[in-house]
Amino acid sequence: MGGRYNYWGQMSYQFLSIDRRGPVERVTLNRPDVRNAFNEHVIAELNDWATRAQSDEALRVVVFAGAGKVFSAGADAAWMAKMAGYSHDDNVRDARAAAEMFLAINTVPAIVIGRVHGAALGGGSGLAAVCDIVVAEADAIFGFTETKLGILPAMISPYVLQKIGASAARDLFLTGRRFDAKKAKEIGLVHEVVASADLDAAVDRYVSEALSASPTAVARSKSLIQSVLGKAPADVVGITADAIATQRVSREGQEGLKAFLEKRTPSWTIKP
């Protein structure tokens, strides 16, 4: 399932609401009647969106949000009922589609911000894990609730483990218990917790910060994190030296240095 372009030239989907303003794109899960739950169609649309976003050089910031009362309550009940009759091969195909979606979002070169309200459960917490920055309202509830349903947080596990580590995962994956935004911040899943009334202002602050960072430096920093994660420092000397050298001689690297020396704002900076 792919998106369509609307009258204004913006990508249009059935279950995602897209609002593009210059280099900032706000992607809203738009199934409030089922608490923005995931099914195969939502997964296909998110994968299509992320694939397009990966090649969108003008895109610098993405904000993920949920319509209605919650960010996302995880898997759709009707979809799960259908999965109950799947064969092993059917389940593998279904799971691979979800795994590819999370991978595609995780590798979008732009800064991805999660705006979490209400609840982020199961795949909703997984979506938060593939965001670079997550801002949550103080009353938000999180949970890797899959084991409560007799299944596993499998597809989201690589990204959640990068965020919260194995110790927290042993607790939260195995018990499937829900936890609040304060706990989510303590373990690294969330970066800022604010009152509901301050949620949009906090997100906008991060958007503003993102628009002052070099787009190529952002994209290469995201790639660098994956390249060095879990490796010994001695094993990545070549990777890190080449990465900084490449950026220093790039157009934006040169512009950043000149702007610093000339005490001016770099040319890539946009004030929202």
C-alpha atoms as a PDB file:
ATOM      1  CA  MET A   1       0.000   0.000   0.000  1.00  0.00           C
ATOM      2  CA  GLY A   2       1.516   3.291  -1.087  1.00  0.00           C
ATOM      3  CA  GLY A   3       0.537   6.869  -0.518  1.00  0.00           C
ATOM      4  CA  ARG A   4      -0.974   9.295  -2.981  1.00  0.00           C
ATOM      5  CA  TYR A   5      -0.191  12.940  -3.605  1.00  0.00           C
ATOM      6  CA  ASN A   6      -3.011  15.312  -2.716  1.00  0.00           C
ATOM      7  CA  TYR A   7      -3.991  18.583  -4.392  1.00  0.00           C
ATOM      8  CA  TRP A   8      -1.171  20.477  -2.650  1.00  0.00           C
ATOM      9  CA  GLY A   9       1.492  17.977  -3.685  1.00  0.00           C
ATOM     10  CA  GLN A  10       1.762  16.396  -0.237  1.00  0.00           C
ATOM     11  CA  MET A  11       1.829  12.647   0.312  1.00  0.00           C
ATOM     12  CA  SER A  12      -1.584  11.363   1.361  1.00  0.00           C
ATOM     13  CA  TYR A  13      -2.277   8.096   3.189  1.00  0.00           C
ATOM     14  CA  GLN A  14      -5.360   6.405   4.580  1.00  0.00           C
ATOM     15  CA  PHE A  15      -4.072   5.838   8.119  1.00  0.00           C
ATOM     16  CA  LEU A  16      -1.376   8.491   8.397  1.00  0.00           C
ATOM     17  CA  SER A  17      -1.876  12.237   8.430  1.00  0.00           C
ATOM     18  CA  ILE A  18       1.060  14.112   6.876  1.00  0.00           C
ATOM     19  CA  ASP A  19       1.660  17.816   7.449  1.00  0.00           C
ATOM     20  CA  ARG A  20       4.732  19.175   5.676  1.00  0.00           C
ATOM     21  CA  ARG A  21       5.967  22.689   6.413  1.00  0.00           C
ATOM     22  CA  GLY A  22       9.268  23.330   4.663  1.00  0.00           C
ATOM     23  CA  PRO A  23      11.897  20.936   6.060  1.00  0.00           C
ATOM     24  CA  VAL A  24       9.636  19.746   8.905  1.00  0.00           C
ATOM     25  CA  GLU A  25       7.178  16.892   8.454  1.00  0.00           C
ATOM     26  CA  ARG A  26       4.635  15.890  11.090  1.00  0.00           C
ATOM     27  CA  VAL A  27       3.433  12.304  10.741  1.00  0.00           C
ATOM     28  CA  THR A  28       0.355  11.458  12.794  1.00  0.00           C
ATOM     29  CA  LEU A  29      -0.995   7.965  13.295  1.00  0.00           C
ATOM     30  CA  ASN A  30      -4.607   8.541  12.353  1.00  0.00           C
ATOM     31  CA  ARG A  31      -6.764   5.692  13.672  1.00  0.00           C
ATOM     32  CA  PRO A  32      -8.103   7.268  16.850  1.00  0.00           C
ATOM     33  CA  ASP A  33     -11.129   4.925  16.900  1.00  0.00           C
ATOM     34  CA  VAL A  34      -8.783   2.003  17.648  1.00  0.00           C
ATOM     35  CA  ARG A  35      -6.235   3.980  19.689  1.00  0.00           C
ATOM     36  CA  ASN A  36      -3.884   4.240  16.692  1.00  0.00           C
ATOM     37  CA  ALA A  37      -3.234   0.511  16.755  1.00  0.00           C
ATOM     38  CA  PHE A  38      -0.989  -1.110  14.175  1.00  0.00           C
ATOM     39  CA  ASN A  39      -2.213  -3.490  11.486  1.00  0.00           C
ATOM     40  CA  GLU A  40      -0.721  -4.621   8.200  1.00  0.00           C
ATOM     41  CA  HIS A  41      -2.021  -1.502   6.416  1.00  0.00           C
ATOM     42  CA  VAL A  42      -0.537   0.950   8.924  1.00  0.00           C
ATOM     43  CA  ILE A  43       2.759  -0.928   8.727  1.00  0.00           C
ATOM     44  CA  ALA A  44       2.734  -0.755   4.922  1.00  0.00           C
ATOM     45  CA  GLU A  45       2.034   2.975   4.969  1.00  0.00           C
ATOM     46  CA  LEU A  46       4.735   3.693   7.538  1.00  0.00           C
ATOM     47  CA  ASN A  47       7.211   1.650   5.536  1.00  0.00           C
ATOM     48  CA  ASP A  48       6.270   3.513   2.351  1.00  0.00           C
ATOM     49  CA  TRP A  49       6.584   6.862   4.127  1.00  0.00           C
ATOM     50  CA  ALA A  50       9.984   5.990   5.666  1.00  0.00           C
ATOM     51  CA  THR A  51      11.345   4.707   2.358  1.00  0.00           C
ATOM     52  CA  ARG A  52      10.425   7.991   0.701  1.00  0.00           C
ATOM     53  CA  ALA A  53      11.806  10.001   3.634  1.00  0.00           C
ATOM     54  CA  GLN A  54      15.193   8.304   3.318  1.00  0.00           C
ATOM     55  CA  SER A  55      15.723   9.926  -0.090  1.00  0.00           C
ATOM     56  CA  ASP A  56      14.140  13.297   0.735  1.00  0.00           C
ATOM     57  CA  GLU A  57      17.131  15.618   0.952  1.00  0.00           C
ATOM     58  CA  ALA A  58      14.951  18.584   1.943  1.00  0.00           C
ATOM     59  CA  LEU A  59      13.568  16.782   5.000  1.00  0.00           C
ATOM     60  CA  ARG A  60      15.357  17.741   8.221  1.00  0.00           C
ATOM     61  CA  VAL A  61      12.924  17.028  11.055  1.00  0.00           C
ATOM     62  CA  VAL A  62      10.121  14.513  11.539  1.00  0.00           C
ATOM     63  CA  VAL A  63       7.607  14.591  14.402  1.00  0.00           C
ATOM     64  CA  PHE A  64       5.634  11.405  15.091  1.00  0.00           C
ATOM     65  CA  ALA A  65       2.360  11.818  16.973  1.00  0.00           C
ATOM     66  CA  GLY A  66      -0.950  10.062  17.492  1.00  0.00           C
ATOM     67  CA  ALA A  67      -4.457  11.364  16.834  1.00  0.00           C
ATOM     68  CA  GLY A  68      -7.013  11.210  19.629  1.00  0.00           C
ATOM     69  CA  LYS A  69      -6.353  10.161  23.198  1.00  0.00           C
ATOM     70  CA  VAL A  70      -3.185   8.047  22.827  1.00  0.00           C
ATOM     71  CA  PHE A  71       0.027   7.804  20.831  1.00  0.00           C
ATOM     72  CA  SER A  72      -0.454   4.118  19.981  1.00  0.00           C
ATOM     73  CA  ALA A  73      -1.916   1.175  21.859  1.00  0.00           C
ATOM     74  CA  GLY A  74       0.093  -1.424  19.931  1.00  0.00           C
ATOM     75  CA  ALA A  75      -1.396  -4.151  17.755  1.00  0.00           C
ATOM     76  CA  ASP A  76      -4.922  -3.975  16.375  1.00  0.00           C
ATOM     77  CA  ALA A  77      -7.254  -6.593  17.915  1.00  0.00           C
ATOM     78  CA  ALA A  78      -8.801  -7.488  14.553  1.00  0.00           C
ATOM     79  CA  TRP A  79      -5.356  -7.951  13.050  1.00  0.00           C
ATOM     80  CA  MET A  80      -4.314 -10.183  15.931  1.00  0.00           C
ATOM     81  CA  ALA A  81      -7.470 -12.276  15.486  1.00  0.00           C
ATOM     82  CA  LYS A  82      -6.550 -12.775  11.843  1.00  0.00           C
ATOM     83  CA  MET A  83      -2.971 -13.697  12.781  1.00  0.00           C
ATOM     84  CA  ALA A  84      -4.278 -16.447  15.040  1.00  0.00           C
ATOM     85  CA  GLY A  85      -5.048 -18.442  11.925  1.00  0.00           C
ATOM     86  CA  TYR A  86      -1.749 -17.793  10.143  1.00  0.00           C
ATOM     87  CA  SER A  87       0.721 -20.550   9.344  1.00  0.00           C
ATOM     88  CA  HIS A  88       4.358 -20.238  10.408  1.00  0.00           C
ATOM     89  CA  ASP A  89       5.304 -18.962   6.945  1.00  0.00           C
ATOM     90  CA  ASP A  90       2.453 -16.446   7.002  1.00  0.00           C
ATOM     91  CA  ASN A  91       3.660 -15.215  10.375  1.00  0.00           C
ATOM     92  CA  VAL A  92       7.226 -14.866   9.107  1.00  0.00           C
ATOM     93  CA  ARG A  93       6.067 -12.720   6.179  1.00  0.00           C
ATOM     94  CA  ASP A  94       3.901 -10.607   8.459  1.00  0.00           C
ATOM     95  CA  ALA A  95       6.682 -10.145  11.017  1.00  0.00           C
ATOM     96  CA  ARG A  96       9.279  -9.293   8.364  1.00  0.00           C
ATOM     97  CA  ALA A  97       7.055  -6.496   7.091  1.00  0.00           C
ATOM     98  CA  ALA A  98       6.938  -4.988  10.600  1.00  0.00           C
ATOM     99  CA  ALA A  99      10.675  -5.497  11.120  1.00  0.00           C
ATOM    100  CA  GLU A 100      11.419  -3.760   7.818  1.00  0.00           C
ATOM    101  CA  MET A 101       9.146  -0.865   8.815  1.00  0.00           C
ATOM    102  CA  PHE A 102      10.982  -0.263  12.096  1.00  0.00           C
ATOM    103  CA  LEU A 103      14.329  -0.530  10.300  1.00  0.00           C
ATOM    104  CA  ALA A 104      13.214   1.963   7.645  1.00  0.00           C
ATOM    105  CA  ILE A 105      12.116   4.506  10.258  1.00  0.00           C
ATOM    106  CA  ASN A 106      15.288   3.959  12.297  1.00  0.00           C
ATOM    107  CA  THR A 107      17.445   4.800   9.274  1.00  0.00           C
ATOM    108  CA  VAL A 108      15.671   7.989   8.155  1.00  0.00           C
ATOM    109  CA  PRO A 109      18.554  10.525   7.932  1.00  0.00           C
ATOM    110  CA  ALA A 110      16.529  13.386   9.427  1.00  0.00           C
ATOM    111  CA  ILE A 111      16.064  13.945  13.159  1.00  0.00           C
ATOM    112  CA  VAL A 112      12.969  12.015  14.252  1.00  0.00           C
ATOM    113  CA  ILE A 113      11.070  13.269  17.296  1.00  0.00           C
ATOM    114  CA  GLY A 114       8.356  11.325  19.090  1.00  0.00           C
ATOM    115  CA  ARG A 115       5.480  13.246  20.689  1.00  0.00           C
ATOM    116  CA  VAL A 116       3.961  10.746  23.124  1.00  0.00           C
ATOM    117  CA  HIS A 117       0.703  11.276  24.962  1.00  0.00           C
ATOM    118  CA  GLY A 118      -1.766   8.924  26.592  1.00  0.00           C
ATOM    119  CA  ALA A 119      -0.148   5.567  26.012  1.00  0.00           C
ATOM    120  CA  ALA A 120       2.582   3.913  23.943  1.00  0.00           C
ATOM    121  CA  LEU A 121       2.190   0.161  24.293  1.00  0.00           C
ATOM    122  CA  GLY A 122       3.790  -2.741  22.432  1.00  0.00           C
ATOM    123  CA  GLY A 123       4.602  -1.483  18.965  1.00  0.00           C
ATOM    124  CA  GLY A 124       3.799   2.032  20.185  1.00  0.00           C
ATOM    125  CA  SER A 125       6.751   1.838  22.565  1.00  0.00           C
ATOM    126  CA  GLY A 126       8.720   0.327  19.691  1.00  0.00           C
ATOM    127  CA  LEU A 127       7.924   3.358  17.555  1.00  0.00           C
ATOM    128  CA  ALA A 128       9.169   5.561  20.388  1.00  0.00           C
ATOM    129  CA  ALA A 129      12.393   3.525  20.438  1.00  0.00           C
ATOM    130  CA  VAL A 130      13.170   4.277  16.778  1.00  0.00           C
ATOM    131  CA  CYS A 131      12.704   8.009  17.366  1.00  0.00           C
ATOM    132  CA  ASP A 132      15.910   9.944  18.003  1.00  0.00           C
ATOM    133  CA  ILE A 133      14.253  12.136  20.621  1.00  0.00           C
ATOM    134  CA  VAL A 134      11.097  11.392  22.602  1.00  0.00           C
ATOM    135  CA  VAL A 135       9.060  13.962  24.514  1.00  0.00           C
ATOM    136  CA  ALA A 136       6.265  12.523  26.656  1.00  0.00           C
ATOM    137  CA  GLU A 137       3.515  14.006  28.753  1.00  0.00           C
ATOM    138  CA  ALA A 138       3.827  13.220  32.442  1.00  0.00           C
ATOM    139  CA  ASP A 139       0.702  11.040  32.450  1.00  0.00           C
ATOM    140  CA  ALA A 140       1.788   8.852  29.510  1.00  0.00           C
ATOM    141  CA  ILE A 141       1.995   5.096  30.052  1.00  0.00           C
ATOM    142  CA  PHE A 142       4.453   2.788  28.318  1.00  0.00           C
ATOM    143  CA  GLY A 143       4.787  -0.960  28.131  1.00  0.00           C
ATOM    144  CA  PHE A 144       6.324  -3.823  26.196  1.00  0.00           C
ATOM    145  CA  THR A 145       3.184  -5.806  26.839  1.00  0.00           C
ATOM    146  CA  GLU A 146       3.671  -8.652  24.380  1.00  0.00           C
ATOM    147  CA  THR A 147       4.351 -11.402  26.926  1.00  0.00           C
ATOM    148  CA  LYS A 148       0.978 -10.655  28.532  1.00  0.00           C
ATOM    149  CA  LEU A 149      -0.492 -11.833  25.211  1.00  0.00           C
ATOM    150  CA  GLY A 150       1.755 -14.863  24.897  1.00  0.00           C
ATOM    151  CA  ILE A 151       3.957 -13.310  22.195  1.00  0.00           C
ATOM    152  CA  LEU A 152       7.339 -11.539  22.042  1.00  0.00           C
ATOM    153  CA  PRO A 153       8.583  -7.960  21.522  1.00  0.00           C
ATOM    154  CA  ALA A 154      10.751  -9.398  18.774  1.00  0.00           C
ATOM    155  CA  MET A 155      10.795  -6.860  15.933  1.00  0.00           C
ATOM    156  CA  ILE A 156      11.253  -3.887  18.247  1.00  0.00           C
ATOM    157  CA  SER A 157      13.903  -5.541  20.427  1.00  0.00           C
ATOM    158  CA  PRO A 158      17.053  -4.279  18.595  1.00  0.00           C
ATOM    159  CA  TYR A 159      15.991  -0.658  18.961  1.00  0.00           C
ATOM    160  CA  VAL A 160      14.620  -0.929  22.481  1.00  0.00           C
ATOM    161  CA  LEU A 161      17.785  -2.642  23.692  1.00  0.00           C
ATOM    162  CA  GLN A 162      19.875   0.176  22.223  1.00  0.00           C
ATOM    163  CA  LYS A 163      17.805   2.643  24.224  1.00  0.00           C
ATOM    164  CA  ILE A 164      17.222   0.939  27.577  1.00  0.00           C
ATOM    165  CA  GLY A 165      19.851  -1.825  27.814  1.00  0.00           C
ATOM    166  CA  ALA A 166      19.551  -5.480  28.725  1.00  0.00           C
ATOM    167  CA  SER A 167      18.887  -5.031  32.432  1.00  0.00           C
ATOM    168  CA  ALA A 168      15.770  -2.883  31.982  1.00  0.00           C
ATOM    169  CA  ALA A 169      14.655  -5.128  29.116  1.00  0.00           C
ATOM    170  CA  ARG A 170      14.830  -8.215  31.356  1.00  0.00           C
ATOM    171  CA  ASP A 171      12.390  -6.553  33.694  1.00  0.00           C
ATOM    172  CA  LEU A 172      10.050  -4.910  31.198  1.00  0.00           C
ATOM    173  CA  PHE A 173      10.131  -7.441  28.349  1.00  0.00           C
ATOM    174  CA  LEU A 174       9.677 -10.461  30.593  1.00  0.00           C
ATOM    175  CA  THR A 175       6.943  -9.136  32.862  1.00  0.00           C
ATOM    176  CA  GLY A 176       5.182  -7.064  30.217  1.00  0.00           C
ATOM    177  CA  ARG A 177       4.321  -4.586  32.956  1.00  0.00           C
ATOM    178  CA  ARG A 178       3.337  -1.035  32.190  1.00  0.00           C
ATOM    179  CA  PHE A 179       5.411   1.893  33.439  1.00  0.00           C
ATOM    180  CA  ASP A 180       5.065   5.649  33.590  1.00  0.00           C
ATOM    181  CA  ALA A 181       6.864   8.427  31.764  1.00  0.00           C
ATOM    182  CA  LYS A 182       9.188   9.063  34.690  1.00  0.00           C
ATOM    183  CA  LYS A 183      10.424   5.470  34.522  1.00  0.00           C
ATOM    184  CA  ALA A 184      10.692   5.709  30.735  1.00  0.00           C
ATOM    185  CA  LYS A 185      12.994   8.710  31.124  1.00  0.00           C
ATOM    186  CA  GLU A 186      15.085   6.990  33.791  1.00  0.00           C
ATOM    187  CA  ILE A 187      15.850   4.075  31.460  1.00  0.00           C
ATOM    188  CA  GLY A 188      16.476   6.205  28.375  1.00  0.00           C
ATOM    189  CA  LEU A 189      13.371   5.507  26.299  1.00  0.00           C
ATOM    190  CA  VAL A 190      12.168   9.094  26.814  1.00  0.00           C
ATOM    191  CA  HIS A 191      14.302  12.236  26.852  1.00  0.00           C
ATOM    192  CA  GLU A 192      11.959  14.826  28.348  1.00  0.00           C
ATOM    193  CA  VAL A 193       8.782  14.577  30.416  1.00  0.00           C
ATOM    194  CA  VAL A 194       6.469  17.580  30.566  1.00  0.00           C
ATOM    195  CA  ALA A 195       2.941  18.498  31.603  1.00  0.00           C
ATOM    196  CA  SER A 196       0.287  17.865  28.953  1.00  0.00           C
ATOM    197  CA  ALA A 197      -0.174  21.592  28.388  1.00  0.00           C
ATOM    198  CA  ASP A 198       3.554  21.959  27.634  1.00  0.00           C
ATOM    199  CA  LEU A 199       3.934  19.012  25.270  1.00  0.00           C
ATOM    200  CA  ASP A 200       3.747  20.878  21.969  1.00  0.00           C
ATOM    201  CA  ALA A 201       5.989  23.685  23.182  1.00  0.00           C
ATOM    202  CA  ALA A 202       8.614  21.150  24.262  1.00  0.00           C
ATOM    203  CA  VAL A 203       8.450  19.384  20.901  1.00  0.00           C
ATOM    204  CA  ASP A 204       8.772  22.719  19.110  1.00  0.00           C
ATOM    205  CA  ARG A 205      11.923  23.501  21.108  1.00  0.00           C
ATOM    206  CA  TYR A 206      13.510  20.313  19.823  1.00  0.00           C
ATOM    207  CA  VAL A 207      12.374  21.122  16.281  1.00  0.00           C
ATOM    208  CA  SER A 208      14.075  24.512  16.589  1.00  0.00           C
ATOM    209  CA  GLU A 209      17.273  22.904  17.887  1.00  0.00           C
ATOM    210  CA  ALA A 210      17.203  20.399  15.038  1.00  0.00           C
ATOM    211  CA  LEU A 211      16.941  23.144  12.437  1.00  0.00           C
ATOM    212  CA  SER A 212      20.164  24.710  13.725  1.00  0.00           C
ATOM    213  CA  ALA A 213      22.172  21.518  13.108  1.00  0.00           C
ATOM    214  CA  SER A 214      23.909  20.722   9.829  1.00  0.00           C
ATOM    215  CA  PRO A 215      21.713  18.275   7.836  1.00  0.00           C
ATOM    216  CA  THR A 216      24.648  16.238   6.554  1.00  0.00           C
ATOM    217  CA  ALA A 217      26.285  16.177   9.987  1.00  0.00           C
ATOM    218  CA  VAL A 218      23.002  14.909  11.462  1.00  0.00           C
ATOM    219  CA  ALA A 219      22.655  12.147   8.891  1.00  0.00           C
ATOM    220  CA  ARG A 220      26.276  11.067   9.253  1.00  0.00           C
ATOM    221  CA  SER A 221      26.081  11.207  13.055  1.00  0.00           C
ATOM    222  CA  LYS A 222      23.069   8.881  12.984  1.00  0.00           C
ATOM    223  CA  SER A 223      25.006   6.483  10.784  1.00  0.00           C
ATOM    224  CA  LEU A 224      28.089   6.804  13.003  1.00  0.00           C
ATOM    225  CA  ILE A 225      26.153   5.765  16.101  1.00  0.00           C
ATOM    226  CA  GLN A 226      25.200   2.492  14.436  1.00  0.00           C
ATOM    227  CA  SER A 227      28.747   1.939  13.165  1.00  0.00           C
ATOM    228  CA  VAL A 228      30.467   2.281  16.541  1.00  0.00           C
ATOM    229  CA  LEU A 229      27.757   0.975  18.876  1.00  0.00           C
ATOM    230  CA  GLY A 230      28.923  -2.019  20.871  1.00  0.00           C
ATOM    231  CA  LYS A 231      32.462  -1.973  19.456  1.00  0.00           C
ATOM    232  CA  ALA A 232      35.693  -1.426  21.349  1.00  0.00           C
ATOM    233  CA  PRO A 233      37.213   2.063  20.844  1.00  0.00           C
ATOM    234  CA  ALA A 234      40.382   0.562  19.351  1.00  0.00           C
ATOM    235  CA  ASP A 235      38.297  -1.209  16.714  1.00  0.00           C
ATOM    236  CA  VAL A 236      36.675   1.951  15.380  1.00  0.00           C
ATOM    237  CA  VAL A 237      39.640   4.322  15.148  1.00  0.00           C
ATOM    238  CA  GLY A 238      39.610   4.095  11.369  1.00  0.00           C
ATOM    239  CA  ILE A 239      35.845   4.550  11.154  1.00  0.00           C
ATOM    240  CA  THR A 240      35.777   7.609  13.389  1.00  0.00           C
ATOM    241  CA  ALA A 241      38.846   9.257  11.821  1.00  0.00           C
ATOM    242  CA  ASP A 242      37.454   8.817   8.315  1.00  0.00           C
ATOM    243  CA  ALA A 243      34.020  10.063   9.416  1.00  0.00           C
ATOM    244  CA  ILE A 244      35.287  13.357  10.833  1.00  0.00           C
ATOM    245  CA  ALA A 245      37.729  13.890   7.962  1.00  0.00           C
ATOM    246  CA  THR A 246      34.970  13.393   5.403  1.00  0.00           C
ATOM    247  CA  GLN A 247      32.702  15.860   7.177  1.00  0.00           C
ATOM    248  CA  ARG A 248      35.428  18.452   7.710  1.00  0.00           C
ATOM    249  CA  VAL A 249      36.140  18.732   3.986  1.00  0.00           C
ATOM    250  CA  SER A 250      32.457  18.672   3.013  1.00  0.00           C
ATOM    251  CA  ARG A 251      30.590  21.813   1.980  1.00  0.00           C
ATOM    252  CA  GLU A 252      28.705  22.009   5.272  1.00  0.00           C
ATOM    253  CA  GLY A 253      31.823  21.198   7.257  1.00  0.00           C
ATOM    254  CA  GLN A 254      33.640  24.099   5.623  1.00  0.00           C
ATOM    255  CA  GLU A 255      30.638  26.389   6.056  1.00  0.00           C
ATOM    256  CA  GLY A 256      30.370  25.531   9.741  1.00  0.00           C
ATOM    257  CA  LEU A 257      34.021  26.314  10.369  1.00  0.00           C
ATOM    258  CA  LYS A 258      33.825  29.613   8.477  1.00  0.00           C
ATOM    259  CA  ALA A 259      30.648  30.625  10.296  1.00  0.00           C
ATOM    260  CA  PHE A 260      32.281  29.903  13.648  1.00  0.00           C
ATOM    261  CA  LEU A 261      35.397  31.915  12.811  1.00  0.00           C
ATOM    262  CA  GLU A 262      33.337  34.773  11.348  1.00  0.00           C
ATOM    263  CA  LYS A 263      30.941  34.723  14.325  1.00  0.00           C
ATOM    264  CA  ARG A 264      27.835  34.311  12.177  1.00  0.00           C
ATOM    265  CA  THR A 265      24.985  31.853  11.832  1.00  0.00           C
ATOM    266  CA  PRO A 266      25.659  28.945   9.439  1.00  0.00           C
ATOM    267  CA  SER A 267      23.719  29.020   6.173  1.00  0.00           C
ATOM    268  CA  TRP A 268      21.753  25.842   6.978  1.00  0.00           C
ATOM    269  CA  THR A 269      20.119  27.330  10.087  1.00  0.00           C
ATOM    270  CA  ILE A 270      16.361  27.854   9.793  1.00  0.00           C
ATOM    271  CA  LYS A 271      14.280  29.629  12.398  1.00  0.00           C
ATOM    272  CA  PRO A 272      10.813  28.048  12.536  1.00  0.00           C
END
